[in-house]
Amino acid sequence: MNKFLKNVLFLLACSVGAAVAQPVVVYSARNEQLIKPLFDLYT
C-alpha cells in the first residue's frame, strides 16, 4: 500500500508540472486595452 501511494503521488506531481508548462489560449471579444491588465497580472 505504501509503494502504491508513493507511485500515485509521483504521477500526480509529474502531471501537475506538465499542465503548468502548457500555454493557455484565451478568446475574447473585448478590446485589448480592456483585457491586457488582467493578462499582465498573470504573466
PDB file of N, CA and C in Angstrom:
ATOM      1  N   MET A   1       0.833  -1.196   0.000  1.00  0.00           N
ATOM      2  CA  MET A   1       0.000   0.000   0.000  1.00  0.00           C
ATOM      3  C   MET A   1       0.868   1.247   0.000  1.00  0.00           C
ATOM      4  N   ASN A   2       1.937   1.233   0.771  1.00  0.00           N
ATOM      5  CA  ASN A   2       2.810   2.393   0.856  1.00  0.00           C
ATOM      6  C   ASN A   2       3.465   2.680  -0.495  1.00  0.00           C
ATOM      7  N   LYS A   3       3.888   1.623  -1.201  1.00  0.00           N
ATOM      8  CA  LYS A   3       4.509   1.790  -2.513  1.00  0.00           C
ATOM      9  C   LYS A   3       3.489   2.332  -3.514  1.00  0.00           C
ATOM     10  N   PHE A   4       2.270   1.860  -3.427  1.00  0.00           N
ATOM     11  CA  PHE A   4       1.204   2.338  -4.307  1.00  0.00           C
ATOM     12  C   PHE A   4       0.962   3.825  -4.101  1.00  0.00           C
ATOM     13  N   LEU A   5       0.909   4.262  -2.869  1.00  0.00           N
ATOM     14  CA  LEU A   5       0.681   5.671  -2.557  1.00  0.00           C
ATOM     15  C   LEU A   5       1.820   6.534  -3.074  1.00  0.00           C
ATOM     16  N   LYS A   6       3.042   6.062  -2.935  1.00  0.00           N
ATOM     17  CA  LYS A   6       4.196   6.805  -3.456  1.00  0.00           C
ATOM     18  C   LYS A   6       4.114   6.943  -4.974  1.00  0.00           C
ATOM     19  N   ASN A   7       3.710   5.876  -5.643  1.00  0.00           N
ATOM     20  CA  ASN A   7       3.579   5.921  -7.099  1.00  0.00           C
ATOM     21  C   ASN A   7       2.495   6.894  -7.532  1.00  0.00           C
ATOM     22  N   VAL A   8       1.384   6.902  -6.838  1.00  0.00           N
ATOM     23  CA  VAL A   8       0.295   7.819  -7.167  1.00  0.00           C
ATOM     24  C   VAL A   8       0.737   9.264  -6.960  1.00  0.00           C
ATOM     25  N   LEU A   9       1.394   9.545  -5.864  1.00  0.00           N
ATOM     26  CA  LEU A   9       1.870  10.901  -5.611  1.00  0.00           C
ATOM     27  C   LEU A   9       2.901  11.333  -6.642  1.00  0.00           C
ATOM     28  N   PHE A  10       3.772  10.428  -7.037  1.00  0.00           N
ATOM     29  CA  PHE A  10       4.766  10.738  -8.064  1.00  0.00           C
ATOM     30  C   PHE A  10       4.089  11.075  -9.390  1.00  0.00           C
ATOM     31  N   LEU A  11       3.106  10.287  -9.787  1.00  0.00           N
ATOM     32  CA  LEU A  11       2.400  10.543 -11.044  1.00  0.00           C
ATOM     33  C   LEU A  11       1.635  11.858 -10.996  1.00  0.00           C
ATOM     34  N   LEU A  12       1.035  12.168  -9.867  1.00  0.00           N
ATOM     35  CA  LEU A  12       0.338  13.447  -9.732  1.00  0.00           C
ATOM     36  C   LEU A  12       1.299  14.619  -9.829  1.00  0.00           C
ATOM     37  N   ALA A  13       2.447  14.497  -9.208  1.00  0.00           N
ATOM     38  CA  ALA A  13       3.442  15.567  -9.257  1.00  0.00           C
ATOM     39  C   ALA A  13       3.935  15.783 -10.686  1.00  0.00           C
ATOM     40  N   CYS A  14       4.125  14.719 -11.417  1.00  0.00           N
ATOM     41  CA  CYS A  14       4.577  14.833 -12.811  1.00  0.00           C
ATOM     42  C   CYS A  14       3.500  15.459 -13.694  1.00  0.00           C
ATOM     43  N   SER A  15       2.260  15.093 -13.477  1.00  0.00           N
ATOM     44  CA  SER A  15       1.186  15.618 -14.319  1.00  0.00           C
ATOM     45  C   SER A  15       0.921  17.088 -14.039  1.00  0.00           C
ATOM     46  N   VAL A  16       1.094  17.538 -12.810  1.00  0.00           N
ATOM     47  CA  VAL A  16       0.891  18.949 -12.483  1.00  0.00           C
ATOM     48  C   VAL A  16       1.948  19.799 -13.173  1.00  0.00           C
ATOM     49  N   GLY A  17       3.179  19.351 -13.181  1.00  0.00           N
ATOM     50  CA  GLY A  17       4.245  20.088 -13.850  1.00  0.00           C
ATOM     51  C   GLY A  17       4.001  20.209 -15.344  1.00  0.00           C
ATOM     52  N   ALA A  18       3.485  19.170 -15.957  1.00  0.00           N
ATOM     53  CA  ALA A  18       3.203  19.199 -17.389  1.00  0.00           C
ATOM     54  C   ALA A  18       2.042  20.133 -17.702  1.00  0.00           C
ATOM     55  N   ALA A  19       1.060  20.195 -16.834  1.00  0.00           N
ATOM     56  CA  ALA A  19      -0.091  21.063 -17.064  1.00  0.00           C
ATOM     57  C   ALA A  19       0.281  22.527 -16.932  1.00  0.00           C
ATOM     58  N   VAL A  20       1.182  22.853 -16.045  1.00  0.00           N
ATOM     59  CA  VAL A  20       1.577  24.241 -15.829  1.00  0.00           C
ATOM     60  C   VAL A  20       2.404  24.758 -16.996  1.00  0.00           C
ATOM     61  N   ALA A  21       3.156  23.896 -17.651  1.00  0.00           N
ATOM     62  CA  ALA A  21       4.071  24.317 -18.698  1.00  0.00           C
ATOM     63  C   ALA A  21       3.365  24.645 -20.013  1.00  0.00           C
ATOM     64  N   GLN A  22       2.115  24.289 -20.160  1.00  0.00           N
ATOM     65  CA  GLN A  22       1.416  24.499 -21.419  1.00  0.00           C
ATOM     66  C   GLN A  22       0.796  25.887 -21.480  1.00  0.00           C
ATOM     67  N   PRO A  23       0.808  26.516 -22.666  1.00  0.00           N
ATOM     68  CA  PRO A  23       0.206  27.841 -22.809  1.00  0.00           C
ATOM     69  C   PRO A  23      -1.318  27.765 -22.751  1.00  0.00           C
ATOM     70  N   VAL A  24      -1.911  28.862 -22.389  1.00  0.00           N
ATOM     71  CA  VAL A  24      -3.367  28.967 -22.332  1.00  0.00           C
ATOM     72  C   VAL A  24      -3.809  29.937 -23.421  1.00  0.00           C
ATOM     73  N   VAL A  25      -4.753  29.516 -24.237  1.00  0.00           N
ATOM     74  CA  VAL A  25      -5.282  30.363 -25.300  1.00  0.00           C
ATOM     75  C   VAL A  25      -6.615  30.922 -24.828  1.00  0.00           C
ATOM     76  N   VAL A  26      -6.740  32.249 -24.894  1.00  0.00           N
ATOM     77  CA  VAL A  26      -7.968  32.908 -24.452  1.00  0.00           C
ATOM     78  C   VAL A  26      -8.580  33.635 -25.641  1.00  0.00           C
ATOM     79  N   TYR A  27      -9.832  33.343 -25.930  1.00  0.00           N
ATOM     80  CA  TYR A  27     -10.566  34.041 -26.967  1.00  0.00           C
ATOM     81  C   TYR A  27     -11.502  35.022 -26.279  1.00  0.00           C
ATOM     82  N   SER A  28     -11.383  36.290 -26.652  1.00  0.00           N
ATOM     83  CA  SER A  28     -12.203  37.302 -26.009  1.00  0.00           C
ATOM     84  C   SER A  28     -12.675  38.315 -27.043  1.00  0.00           C
ATOM     85  N   ALA A  29     -13.887  38.779 -26.883  1.00  0.00           N
ATOM     86  CA  ALA A  29     -14.424  39.811 -27.765  1.00  0.00           C
ATOM     87  C   ALA A  29     -14.106  41.204 -27.238  1.00  0.00           C
ATOM     88  N   ARG A  30     -13.444  41.278 -26.107  1.00  0.00           N
ATOM     89  CA  ARG A  30     -13.109  42.577 -25.519  1.00  0.00           C
ATOM     90  C   ARG A  30     -11.930  43.215 -26.244  1.00  0.00           C
ATOM     91  N   ASN A  31     -11.859  44.532 -26.160  1.00  0.00           N
ATOM     92  CA  ASN A  31     -10.716  45.253 -26.715  1.00  0.00           C
ATOM     93  C   ASN A  31      -9.462  44.882 -25.945  1.00  0.00           C
ATOM     94  N   GLU A  32      -8.322  44.905 -26.637  1.00  0.00           N
ATOM     95  CA  GLU A  32      -7.068  44.527 -25.989  1.00  0.00           C
ATOM     96  C   GLU A  32      -6.759  45.430 -24.804  1.00  0.00           C
ATOM     97  N   GLN A  33      -7.071  46.705 -24.913  1.00  0.00           N
ATOM     98  CA  GLN A  33      -6.766  47.631 -23.818  1.00  0.00           C
ATOM     99  C   GLN A  33      -7.570  47.315 -22.558  1.00  0.00           C
ATOM    100  N   LEU A  34      -8.697  46.663 -22.701  1.00  0.00           N
ATOM    101  CA  LEU A  34      -9.509  46.304 -21.539  1.00  0.00           C
ATOM    102  C   LEU A  34      -9.041  45.004 -20.880  1.00  0.00           C
ATOM    103  N   ILE A  35      -8.556  44.064 -21.661  1.00  0.00           N
ATOM    104  CA  ILE A  35      -8.187  42.752 -21.125  1.00  0.00           C
ATOM    105  C   ILE A  35      -6.698  42.654 -20.793  1.00  0.00           C
ATOM    106  N   LYS A  36      -5.865  43.514 -21.375  1.00  0.00           N
ATOM    107  CA  LYS A  36      -4.418  43.445 -21.171  1.00  0.00           C
ATOM    108  C   LYS A  36      -4.014  43.562 -19.701  1.00  0.00           C
ATOM    109  N   PRO A  37      -4.591  44.441 -18.887  1.00  0.00           N
ATOM    110  CA  PRO A  37      -4.200  44.489 -17.467  1.00  0.00           C
ATOM    111  C   PRO A  37      -4.416  43.162 -16.735  1.00  0.00           C
ATOM    112  N   LEU A  38      -5.445  42.441 -17.104  1.00  0.00           N
ATOM    113  CA  LEU A  38      -5.691  41.135 -16.490  1.00  0.00           C
ATOM    114  C   LEU A  38      -4.598  40.142 -16.877  1.00  0.00           C
ATOM    115  N   PHE A  39      -4.208  40.138 -18.138  1.00  0.00           N
ATOM    116  CA  PHE A  39      -3.132  39.242 -18.583  1.00  0.00           C
ATOM    117  C   PHE A  39      -1.804  39.623 -17.956  1.00  0.00           C
ATOM    118  N   ASP A  40      -1.564  40.901 -17.777  1.00  0.00           N
ATOM    119  CA  ASP A  40      -0.302  41.350 -17.179  1.00  0.00           C
ATOM    120  C   ASP A  40      -0.151  40.859 -15.739  1.00  0.00           C
ATOM    121  N   LEU A  41      -1.253  40.667 -15.047  1.00  0.00           N
ATOM    122  CA  LEU A  41      -1.192  40.152 -13.677  1.00  0.00           C
ATOM    123  C   LEU A  41      -0.688  38.713 -13.625  1.00  0.00           C
ATOM    124  N   TYR A  42      -0.943  37.939 -14.672  1.00  0.00           N
ATOM    125  CA  TYR A  42      -0.621  36.511 -14.657  1.00  0.00           C
ATOM    126  C   TYR A  42       0.592  36.140 -15.487  1.00  0.00           C
ATOM    127  N   THR A  43       1.290  37.124 -16.066  1.00  0.00           N
ATOM    128  CA  THR A  43       2.488  36.802 -16.861  1.00  0.00           C
ATOM    129  C   THR A  43       3.727  37.347 -16.212  1.00  0.00           C
TER     130      THR A  43
END
